[in-house]
Amino acid sequence: MKTRAEIYANEAADLLRTVTMYPGLSEQQLLCFHPGKEDIAKALLSHLERQGRIFQADSDGFFLTGQTPKTDWTLVRAVWVLLDFIQQVDYHAPADFPVKLVFFADGELYEVACVTAGQEALVCHALRNNKGGSRRIMLVDTPAQIAKIDCPGVSGFCTVDANGQTNYFKKAGGT
């Protein structure tokens, strides 16, 4: 017979991995990584806090103990995009500018690139090649930026508000 620790070891390790890769995520986001197991994930978060392995900062984000509680809000917004696909995701990881994270879903590679207002040309230049054939989701601050973005592999655009509400857009003409 398996002990409780053996049963939940994988979920706890996965939560720690997620907090490590994406410091500053809210409890709501962390629970979304475990669809159908939210109650278990919530209990494990509390358990990991009591053990002193993670802590919740004033910003409501979770961090590993010993880590400076500095939240990358652009990454937090990009994770909301990832969570819209989480049921189909096989692998995900943070990435470097301008791509904030990458994930594999349904056999396709996706990149979530963040485009801060005023940096459209810089990001387009940085993404001018798409040799890997990834599908790019461009996370913009406002829909008005979409007209200024022209780079290969763009599947769509989105905005994410402070509550995690994600709105998706396509350019007229199908890009």
N, C-alpha and C. Protein backbone atom coordinates (compact mmCIF):
# COMPACT_ATOMS: atom_id res chain seq x y z
N MET A 1 0.84 -1.18 0.00
CA MET A 1 0.00 0.00 0.00
C MET A 1 0.89 1.25 0.00
N LYS A 2 0.53 2.21 -0.85
CA LYS A 2 1.33 3.44 -0.95
C LYS A 2 0.96 4.41 0.17
N THR A 3 1.97 5.14 0.62
CA THR A 3 1.72 6.17 1.63
C THR A 3 1.22 7.43 0.93
N ARG A 4 0.69 8.31 1.71
CA ARG A 4 0.21 9.59 1.18
C ARG A 4 1.34 10.36 0.48
N ALA A 5 2.53 10.32 1.10
CA ALA A 5 3.69 11.01 0.52
C ALA A 5 4.05 10.45 -0.84
N GLU A 6 3.96 9.13 -0.99
CA GLU A 6 4.27 8.51 -2.28
C GLU A 6 3.24 8.87 -3.34
N ILE A 7 1.99 8.96 -2.93
CA ILE A 7 0.91 9.27 -3.87
C ILE A 7 1.06 10.69 -4.41
N TYR A 8 1.40 11.63 -3.55
CA TYR A 8 1.43 13.04 -3.94
C TYR A 8 2.82 13.56 -4.27
N ALA A 9 3.82 12.71 -4.27
CA ALA A 9 5.19 13.16 -4.52
C ALA A 9 5.35 13.80 -5.89
N ASN A 10 4.73 13.24 -6.91
CA ASN A 10 4.85 13.80 -8.26
C ASN A 10 4.22 15.18 -8.35
N GLU A 11 3.04 15.35 -7.75
CA GLU A 11 2.37 16.65 -7.78
C GLU A 11 3.17 17.70 -7.03
N ALA A 12 3.74 17.31 -5.88
CA ALA A 12 4.55 18.26 -5.09
C ALA A 12 5.80 18.65 -5.86
N ALA A 13 6.45 17.69 -6.48
CA ALA A 13 7.65 17.99 -7.27
C ALA A 13 7.31 18.89 -8.45
N ASP A 14 6.16 18.64 -9.06
CA ASP A 14 5.73 19.47 -10.19
C ASP A 14 5.43 20.90 -9.73
N LEU A 15 4.80 21.05 -8.58
CA LEU A 15 4.55 22.40 -8.05
C LEU A 15 5.86 23.14 -7.77
N LEU A 16 6.82 22.46 -7.17
CA LEU A 16 8.12 23.08 -6.90
C LEU A 16 8.82 23.48 -8.20
N ARG A 17 8.72 22.63 -9.20
CA ARG A 17 9.32 22.93 -10.50
C ARG A 17 8.68 24.18 -11.11
N THR A 18 7.36 24.27 -11.01
CA THR A 18 6.64 25.41 -11.56
C THR A 18 7.00 26.70 -10.83
N VAL A 19 7.07 26.66 -9.51
CA VAL A 19 7.44 27.84 -8.73
C VAL A 19 8.88 28.25 -9.06
N THR A 20 9.75 27.28 -9.31
CA THR A 20 11.13 27.57 -9.67
C THR A 20 11.23 28.24 -11.03
N MET A 21 10.50 27.71 -12.01
CA MET A 21 10.58 28.24 -13.37
C MET A 21 9.87 29.58 -13.52
N TYR A 22 8.76 29.75 -12.81
CA TYR A 22 7.94 30.95 -12.95
C TYR A 22 7.70 31.60 -11.59
N PRO A 23 8.74 32.19 -10.99
CA PRO A 23 8.55 32.81 -9.67
C PRO A 23 7.56 33.96 -9.74
N GLY A 24 6.72 34.03 -8.71
CA GLY A 24 5.77 35.12 -8.61
C GLY A 24 4.38 34.80 -9.09
N LEU A 25 4.13 33.54 -9.48
CA LEU A 25 2.78 33.18 -9.93
C LEU A 25 1.82 33.19 -8.75
N SER A 26 0.59 33.52 -9.04
CA SER A 26 -0.45 33.52 -8.00
C SER A 26 -0.90 32.08 -7.71
N GLU A 27 -1.59 31.91 -6.61
CA GLU A 27 -2.15 30.61 -6.27
C GLU A 27 -3.09 30.13 -7.38
N GLN A 28 -3.90 31.04 -7.89
CA GLN A 28 -4.84 30.70 -8.95
C GLN A 28 -4.10 30.12 -10.17
N GLN A 29 -3.00 30.74 -10.56
CA GLN A 29 -2.23 30.23 -11.70
C GLN A 29 -1.63 28.87 -11.39
N LEU A 30 -1.05 28.72 -10.22
CA LEU A 30 -0.44 27.43 -9.86
C LEU A 30 -1.47 26.31 -9.84
N LEU A 31 -2.67 26.61 -9.39
CA LEU A 31 -3.72 25.59 -9.37
C LEU A 31 -4.14 25.21 -10.79
N CYS A 32 -4.11 26.16 -11.70
CA CYS A 32 -4.49 25.89 -13.10
C CYS A 32 -3.52 24.93 -13.79
N PHE A 33 -2.32 24.78 -13.28
CA PHE A 33 -1.37 23.82 -13.84
C PHE A 33 -1.79 22.38 -13.54
N HIS A 34 -2.78 22.20 -12.67
CA HIS A 34 -3.23 20.88 -12.25
C HIS A 34 -4.74 20.73 -12.44
N PRO A 35 -5.19 20.79 -13.70
CA PRO A 35 -6.64 20.70 -13.94
C PRO A 35 -7.23 19.40 -13.40
N GLY A 36 -8.33 19.55 -12.68
CA GLY A 36 -8.98 18.39 -12.08
C GLY A 36 -8.39 17.99 -10.74
N LYS A 37 -7.26 18.58 -10.37
CA LYS A 37 -6.60 18.25 -9.10
C LYS A 37 -6.33 19.52 -8.29
N GLU A 38 -7.18 20.52 -8.46
CA GLU A 38 -6.96 21.81 -7.81
C GLU A 38 -6.93 21.69 -6.29
N ASP A 39 -7.81 20.86 -5.72
CA ASP A 39 -7.85 20.70 -4.26
C ASP A 39 -6.56 20.10 -3.74
N ILE A 40 -6.05 19.11 -4.46
CA ILE A 40 -4.78 18.47 -4.07
C ILE A 40 -3.64 19.49 -4.18
N ALA A 41 -3.62 20.25 -5.27
CA ALA A 41 -2.56 21.23 -5.47
C ALA A 41 -2.60 22.30 -4.38
N LYS A 42 -3.80 22.73 -4.01
CA LYS A 42 -3.93 23.75 -2.97
C LYS A 42 -3.42 23.22 -1.63
N ALA A 43 -3.75 21.99 -1.32
CA ALA A 43 -3.27 21.38 -0.07
C ALA A 43 -1.74 21.24 -0.10
N LEU A 44 -1.20 20.87 -1.25
CA LEU A 44 0.25 20.73 -1.37
C LEU A 44 0.96 22.07 -1.26
N LEU A 45 0.37 23.13 -1.81
CA LEU A 45 0.96 24.46 -1.65
C LEU A 45 1.06 24.82 -0.16
N SER A 46 -0.02 24.58 0.57
CA SER A 46 -0.01 24.86 2.01
C SER A 46 1.04 24.01 2.72
N HIS A 47 1.12 22.76 2.34
CA HIS A 47 2.10 21.85 2.95
C HIS A 47 3.53 22.32 2.66
N LEU A 48 3.80 22.70 1.42
CA LEU A 48 5.14 23.18 1.05
C LEU A 48 5.48 24.48 1.78
N GLU A 49 4.48 25.32 2.02
CA GLU A 49 4.69 26.55 2.80
C GLU A 49 5.04 26.20 4.26
N ARG A 50 4.26 25.30 4.84
CA ARG A 50 4.52 24.89 6.23
C ARG A 50 5.89 24.26 6.38
N GLN A 51 6.34 23.54 5.36
CA GLN A 51 7.67 22.93 5.38
C GLN A 51 8.77 23.97 5.21
N GLY A 52 8.40 25.17 4.80
CA GLY A 52 9.39 26.22 4.59
C GLY A 52 10.11 26.12 3.25
N ARG A 53 9.54 25.40 2.30
CA ARG A 53 10.18 25.24 0.99
C ARG A 53 9.78 26.35 0.03
N ILE A 54 8.58 26.92 0.21
CA ILE A 54 8.12 28.04 -0.60
C ILE A 54 7.48 29.06 0.33
N PHE A 55 7.30 30.27 -0.18
CA PHE A 55 6.57 31.28 0.59
C PHE A 55 5.77 32.15 -0.36
N GLN A 56 4.75 32.77 0.19
CA GLN A 56 3.90 33.67 -0.58
C GLN A 56 4.26 35.10 -0.20
N ALA A 57 4.67 35.88 -1.20
CA ALA A 57 5.10 37.25 -0.96
C ALA A 57 3.90 38.18 -0.84
N ASP A 58 4.18 39.41 -0.45
CA ASP A 58 3.12 40.42 -0.33
C ASP A 58 2.38 40.63 -1.64
N SER A 59 3.06 40.40 -2.75
CA SER A 59 2.44 40.57 -4.07
C SER A 59 1.51 39.41 -4.40
N ASP A 60 1.35 38.47 -3.46
CA ASP A 60 0.54 37.27 -3.60
C ASP A 60 1.21 36.19 -4.45
N GLY A 61 2.38 36.46 -4.97
CA GLY A 61 3.08 35.46 -5.76
C GLY A 61 3.85 34.49 -4.88
N PHE A 62 4.07 33.28 -5.40
CA PHE A 62 4.83 32.26 -4.68
C PHE A 62 6.27 32.22 -5.17
N PHE A 63 7.19 31.99 -4.22
CA PHE A 63 8.63 31.94 -4.49
C PHE A 63 9.25 30.81 -3.69
N LEU A 64 10.40 30.33 -4.17
CA LEU A 64 11.16 29.37 -3.39
C LEU A 64 11.75 30.08 -2.19
N THR A 65 11.84 29.40 -1.07
CA THR A 65 12.46 29.96 0.12
C THR A 65 13.92 30.31 -0.20
N GLY A 66 14.32 31.50 0.21
CA GLY A 66 15.67 31.98 -0.06
C GLY A 66 15.76 32.80 -1.33
N GLN A 67 14.70 32.79 -2.11
CA GLN A 67 14.67 33.54 -3.36
C GLN A 67 14.16 34.96 -3.08
N THR A 68 14.74 35.94 -3.75
CA THR A 68 14.27 37.30 -3.62
C THR A 68 12.90 37.40 -4.30
N PRO A 69 11.91 37.92 -3.60
CA PRO A 69 10.57 37.98 -4.19
C PRO A 69 10.44 39.10 -5.23
N LYS A 70 10.96 38.83 -6.42
CA LYS A 70 10.88 39.79 -7.52
C LYS A 70 10.06 39.14 -8.64
N THR A 71 8.92 39.72 -8.94
CA THR A 71 8.01 39.16 -9.93
C THR A 71 8.26 39.78 -11.30
N ASP A 72 8.39 38.95 -12.30
CA ASP A 72 8.47 39.37 -13.69
C ASP A 72 7.03 39.37 -14.22
N TRP A 73 6.40 40.54 -14.21
CA TRP A 73 4.98 40.62 -14.56
C TRP A 73 4.72 40.24 -16.01
N THR A 74 5.69 40.43 -16.88
CA THR A 74 5.51 40.00 -18.27
C THR A 74 5.44 38.49 -18.33
N LEU A 75 6.30 37.81 -17.58
CA LEU A 75 6.26 36.35 -17.54
C LEU A 75 4.95 35.86 -16.93
N VAL A 76 4.48 36.52 -15.90
CA VAL A 76 3.20 36.15 -15.27
C VAL A 76 2.07 36.26 -16.30
N ARG A 77 2.09 37.32 -17.11
CA ARG A 77 1.07 37.46 -18.16
C ARG A 77 1.21 36.37 -19.21
N ALA A 78 2.44 36.03 -19.59
CA ALA A 78 2.66 34.97 -20.58
C ALA A 78 2.17 33.62 -20.07
N VAL A 79 2.30 33.38 -18.77
CA VAL A 79 1.83 32.12 -18.20
C VAL A 79 0.32 31.99 -18.35
N TRP A 80 -0.41 33.11 -18.27
CA TRP A 80 -1.86 33.03 -18.49
C TRP A 80 -2.17 32.49 -19.89
N VAL A 81 -1.36 32.86 -20.87
CA VAL A 81 -1.53 32.35 -22.22
C VAL A 81 -1.27 30.83 -22.22
N LEU A 82 -0.17 30.42 -21.62
CA LEU A 82 0.14 29.00 -21.51
C LEU A 82 -1.01 28.22 -20.87
N LEU A 83 -1.60 28.78 -19.83
CA LEU A 83 -2.66 28.09 -19.11
C LEU A 83 -3.92 27.89 -19.96
N ASP A 84 -4.09 28.71 -20.98
CA ASP A 84 -5.22 28.49 -21.89
C ASP A 84 -5.06 27.20 -22.70
N PHE A 85 -3.82 26.72 -22.81
CA PHE A 85 -3.52 25.52 -23.59
C PHE A 85 -3.13 24.33 -22.70
N ILE A 86 -3.14 24.48 -21.39
CA ILE A 86 -2.51 23.54 -20.48
C ILE A 86 -2.99 22.10 -20.65
N GLN A 87 -4.24 21.89 -21.05
CA GLN A 87 -4.75 20.52 -21.22
C GLN A 87 -4.01 19.78 -22.35
N GLN A 88 -3.49 20.53 -23.34
CA GLN A 88 -2.82 19.92 -24.48
C GLN A 88 -1.29 19.97 -24.38
N VAL A 89 -0.77 20.64 -23.36
CA VAL A 89 0.67 20.90 -23.25
C VAL A 89 1.43 19.65 -22.78
N ASP A 90 2.50 19.32 -23.53
CA ASP A 90 3.38 18.21 -23.17
C ASP A 90 4.61 18.71 -22.41
N TYR A 91 5.05 19.93 -22.72
CA TYR A 91 6.25 20.49 -22.12
C TYR A 91 6.16 22.01 -22.20
N HIS A 92 6.70 22.69 -21.19
CA HIS A 92 6.76 24.16 -21.21
C HIS A 92 7.98 24.62 -20.43
N ALA A 93 8.49 25.80 -20.80
CA ALA A 93 9.66 26.36 -20.12
C ALA A 93 9.76 27.85 -20.42
N PRO A 94 10.36 28.61 -19.49
CA PRO A 94 10.61 30.03 -19.79
C PRO A 94 11.67 30.16 -20.88
N ALA A 95 11.71 31.31 -21.52
CA ALA A 95 12.66 31.55 -22.61
C ALA A 95 13.26 32.94 -22.47
N ASP A 96 14.08 33.32 -23.45
CA ASP A 96 14.76 34.61 -23.43
C ASP A 96 14.10 35.61 -24.37
N PHE A 97 14.33 36.88 -24.12
CA PHE A 97 13.78 37.99 -24.89
C PHE A 97 13.91 37.73 -26.39
N PRO A 98 12.90 38.05 -27.13
CA PRO A 98 11.58 38.56 -26.76
C PRO A 98 10.56 37.47 -26.45
N VAL A 99 10.96 36.22 -26.63
CA VAL A 99 10.06 35.10 -26.30
C VAL A 99 10.13 34.88 -24.79
N LYS A 100 8.98 34.90 -24.13
CA LYS A 100 8.96 34.73 -22.68
C LYS A 100 8.83 33.28 -22.26
N LEU A 101 8.12 32.49 -23.08
CA LEU A 101 8.05 31.07 -22.78
C LEU A 101 7.74 30.28 -24.04
N VAL A 102 8.09 29.01 -23.99
CA VAL A 102 7.83 28.10 -25.09
C VAL A 102 7.06 26.90 -24.54
N PHE A 103 6.27 26.30 -25.41
CA PHE A 103 5.59 25.07 -25.01
C PHE A 103 5.25 24.23 -26.23
N PHE A 104 5.16 22.92 -26.00
CA PHE A 104 4.72 21.98 -27.02
C PHE A 104 3.30 21.59 -26.69
N ALA A 105 2.41 21.72 -27.67
CA ALA A 105 1.02 21.31 -27.51
C ALA A 105 0.54 20.69 -28.80
N ASP A 106 -0.06 19.53 -28.70
CA ASP A 106 -0.59 18.82 -29.87
C ASP A 106 0.46 18.68 -30.96
N GLY A 107 1.69 18.40 -30.57
CA GLY A 107 2.76 18.17 -31.54
C GLY A 107 3.32 19.42 -32.20
N GLU A 108 2.94 20.59 -31.73
CA GLU A 108 3.42 21.86 -32.29
C GLU A 108 4.21 22.63 -31.25
N LEU A 109 5.23 23.36 -31.72
CA LEU A 109 6.01 24.23 -30.85
C LEU A 109 5.40 25.63 -30.90
N TYR A 110 5.10 26.17 -29.74
CA TYR A 110 4.57 27.53 -29.61
C TYR A 110 5.56 28.40 -28.86
N GLU A 111 5.63 29.66 -29.27
CA GLU A 111 6.42 30.66 -28.56
C GLU A 111 5.47 31.79 -28.17
N VAL A 112 5.55 32.23 -26.94
CA VAL A 112 4.79 33.40 -26.51
C VAL A 112 5.80 34.54 -26.42
N ALA A 113 5.69 35.47 -27.37
CA ALA A 113 6.59 36.62 -27.42
C ALA A 113 5.86 37.84 -26.88
N CYS A 114 6.51 38.57 -26.02
CA CYS A 114 5.91 39.75 -25.41
C CYS A 114 6.41 41.00 -26.11
N VAL A 115 5.47 41.84 -26.49
CA VAL A 115 5.79 43.06 -27.22
C VAL A 115 5.30 44.26 -26.42
N THR A 116 6.22 44.91 -25.74
CA THR A 116 5.90 46.11 -24.98
C THR A 116 5.64 47.25 -25.96
N ALA A 117 4.69 48.10 -25.63
CA ALA A 117 4.38 49.25 -26.50
C ALA A 117 5.65 50.04 -26.78
N GLY A 118 5.89 50.32 -28.05
CA GLY A 118 7.06 51.07 -28.47
C GLY A 118 8.22 50.19 -28.90
N GLN A 119 8.13 48.88 -28.62
CA GLN A 119 9.22 47.96 -28.98
C GLN A 119 8.83 47.02 -30.12
N GLU A 120 7.83 47.37 -30.88
CA GLU A 120 7.36 46.50 -31.96
C GLU A 120 8.45 46.22 -32.99
N ALA A 121 9.16 47.27 -33.43
CA ALA A 121 10.20 47.10 -34.45
C ALA A 121 11.35 46.25 -33.91
N LEU A 122 11.75 46.47 -32.68
CA LEU A 122 12.82 45.69 -32.07
C LEU A 122 12.46 44.22 -32.00
N VAL A 123 11.26 43.92 -31.54
CA VAL A 123 10.83 42.53 -31.42
C VAL A 123 10.71 41.88 -32.80
N CYS A 124 10.17 42.60 -33.78
CA CYS A 124 10.08 42.04 -35.14
C CYS A 124 11.46 41.74 -35.71
N HIS A 125 12.41 42.62 -35.43
CA HIS A 125 13.79 42.38 -35.89
C HIS A 125 14.37 41.13 -35.21
N ALA A 126 14.15 41.01 -33.91
CA ALA A 126 14.67 39.86 -33.16
C ALA A 126 14.03 38.55 -33.62
N LEU A 127 12.81 38.61 -34.12
CA LEU A 127 12.09 37.41 -34.54
C LEU A 127 12.03 37.25 -36.05
N ARG A 128 12.93 37.90 -36.78
CA ARG A 128 12.86 37.90 -38.24
C ARG A 128 13.04 36.52 -38.85
N ASN A 129 13.68 35.60 -38.14
CA ASN A 129 13.85 34.23 -38.64
C ASN A 129 12.94 33.30 -37.85
N ASN A 130 12.43 32.32 -38.52
CA ASN A 130 11.62 31.30 -37.84
C ASN A 130 11.99 29.94 -38.42
N LYS A 131 13.26 29.61 -38.32
CA LYS A 131 13.77 28.36 -38.91
C LYS A 131 13.17 27.12 -38.26
N GLY A 132 12.79 27.23 -37.00
CA GLY A 132 12.20 26.08 -36.30
C GLY A 132 10.75 25.85 -36.63
N GLY A 133 10.14 26.79 -37.33
CA GLY A 133 8.74 26.63 -37.71
C GLY A 133 7.76 26.72 -36.56
N SER A 134 8.14 27.42 -35.50
CA SER A 134 7.25 27.54 -34.35
C SER A 134 6.06 28.44 -34.67
N ARG A 135 5.02 28.25 -33.90
CA ARG A 135 3.84 29.10 -33.99
C ARG A 135 3.99 30.16 -32.91
N ARG A 136 3.91 31.40 -33.31
CA ARG A 136 4.14 32.50 -32.36
C ARG A 136 2.83 33.16 -31.95
N ILE A 137 2.70 33.33 -30.65
CA ILE A 137 1.59 34.08 -30.09
C ILE A 137 2.21 35.36 -29.54
N MET A 138 1.79 36.48 -30.08
CA MET A 138 2.36 37.77 -29.69
C MET A 138 1.49 38.39 -28.59
N LEU A 139 2.07 38.53 -27.42
CA LEU A 139 1.39 39.13 -26.28
C LEU A 139 1.67 40.63 -26.31
N VAL A 140 0.64 41.42 -26.56
CA VAL A 140 0.78 42.87 -26.70
C VAL A 140 0.11 43.57 -25.53
N ASP A 141 0.51 44.83 -25.32
CA ASP A 141 -0.12 45.63 -24.26
C ASP A 141 -1.51 46.10 -24.68
N THR A 142 -1.63 46.48 -25.97
CA THR A 142 -2.92 46.95 -26.48
C THR A 142 -3.12 46.43 -27.90
N PRO A 143 -4.37 46.22 -28.31
CA PRO A 143 -4.63 45.76 -29.68
C PRO A 143 -4.11 46.73 -30.75
N ALA A 144 -3.93 48.00 -30.42
CA ALA A 144 -3.43 48.99 -31.40
C ALA A 144 -2.03 48.62 -31.90
N GLN A 145 -1.27 47.87 -31.14
CA GLN A 145 0.08 47.47 -31.54
C GLN A 145 0.09 46.46 -32.67
N ILE A 146 -0.96 45.72 -32.85
CA ILE A 146 -1.00 44.61 -33.80
C ILE A 146 -0.62 45.07 -35.21
N ALA A 147 -1.11 46.21 -35.64
CA ALA A 147 -0.82 46.71 -36.99
C ALA A 147 0.67 46.98 -37.19
N LYS A 148 1.42 47.18 -36.11
CA LYS A 148 2.85 47.50 -36.20
C LYS A 148 3.74 46.25 -36.19
N ILE A 149 3.15 45.09 -36.07
CA ILE A 149 3.93 43.86 -35.92
C ILE A 149 3.84 43.03 -37.20
N ASP A 150 5.01 42.75 -37.78
CA ASP A 150 5.08 41.95 -38.99
C ASP A 150 6.34 41.08 -38.93
N CYS A 151 6.18 39.84 -38.50
CA CYS A 151 7.29 38.91 -38.46
C CYS A 151 6.76 37.51 -38.78
N PRO A 152 7.63 36.61 -39.20
CA PRO A 152 7.17 35.29 -39.63
C PRO A 152 6.68 34.42 -38.47
N GLY A 153 5.75 33.53 -38.78
CA GLY A 153 5.29 32.54 -37.83
C GLY A 153 4.24 32.98 -36.84
N VAL A 154 3.68 34.18 -37.02
CA VAL A 154 2.69 34.68 -36.07
C VAL A 154 1.36 33.96 -36.30
N SER A 155 0.90 33.27 -35.26
CA SER A 155 -0.39 32.58 -35.31
C SER A 155 -1.51 33.47 -34.82
N GLY A 156 -1.17 34.39 -33.92
CA GLY A 156 -2.18 35.27 -33.37
C GLY A 156 -1.58 36.23 -32.38
N PHE A 157 -2.45 37.07 -31.86
CA PHE A 157 -2.06 38.11 -30.91
C PHE A 157 -2.98 38.00 -29.70
N CYS A 158 -2.53 38.51 -28.57
CA CYS A 158 -3.40 38.50 -27.40
C CYS A 158 -3.02 39.62 -26.43
N THR A 159 -3.97 39.92 -25.59
CA THR A 159 -3.75 40.81 -24.45
C THR A 159 -4.14 40.02 -23.20
N VAL A 160 -3.52 40.36 -22.08
CA VAL A 160 -3.86 39.73 -20.81
C VAL A 160 -4.01 40.84 -19.77
N ASP A 161 -5.18 40.88 -19.12
CA ASP A 161 -5.37 41.93 -18.12
C ASP A 161 -4.86 41.46 -16.75
N ALA A 162 -4.96 42.32 -15.76
CA ALA A 162 -4.42 42.05 -14.43
C ALA A 162 -5.07 40.83 -13.76
N ASN A 163 -6.29 40.49 -14.16
CA ASN A 163 -6.99 39.34 -13.58
C ASN A 163 -6.75 38.05 -14.36
N GLY A 164 -5.93 38.12 -15.41
CA GLY A 164 -5.64 36.93 -16.18
C GLY A 164 -6.57 36.68 -17.34
N GLN A 165 -7.48 37.61 -17.57
CA GLN A 165 -8.40 37.47 -18.70
C GLN A 165 -7.62 37.67 -20.00
N THR A 166 -7.63 36.66 -20.86
CA THR A 166 -6.87 36.69 -22.10
C THR A 166 -7.83 36.88 -23.26
N ASN A 167 -7.51 37.85 -24.12
CA ASN A 167 -8.29 38.09 -25.33
C ASN A 167 -7.39 37.86 -26.53
N TYR A 168 -7.88 37.09 -27.49
CA TYR A 168 -7.09 36.74 -28.67
C TYR A 168 -7.58 37.49 -29.89
N PHE A 169 -6.62 37.81 -30.79
CA PHE A 169 -6.91 38.57 -31.99
C PHE A 169 -6.13 37.97 -33.18
N LYS A 170 -6.63 38.21 -34.35
CA LYS A 170 -5.90 37.91 -35.59
C LYS A 170 -5.92 39.17 -36.42
N LYS A 171 -4.88 39.35 -37.25
CA LYS A 171 -4.86 40.46 -38.17
C LYS A 171 -5.88 40.21 -39.28
N ALA A 172 -6.44 41.27 -39.80
CA ALA A 172 -7.30 41.13 -40.97
C ALA A 172 -6.46 40.51 -42.08
N GLY A 173 -6.97 39.53 -42.75
CA GLY A 173 -6.19 38.84 -43.77
C GLY A 173 -5.63 37.53 -43.26
N GLY A 174 -5.91 37.18 -41.98
CA GLY A 174 -5.58 35.86 -41.49
C GLY A 174 -4.28 35.70 -40.74
N THR A 175 -3.42 36.69 -40.61
CA THR A 175 -2.17 36.51 -39.87
C THR A 175 -2.43 36.51 -38.40
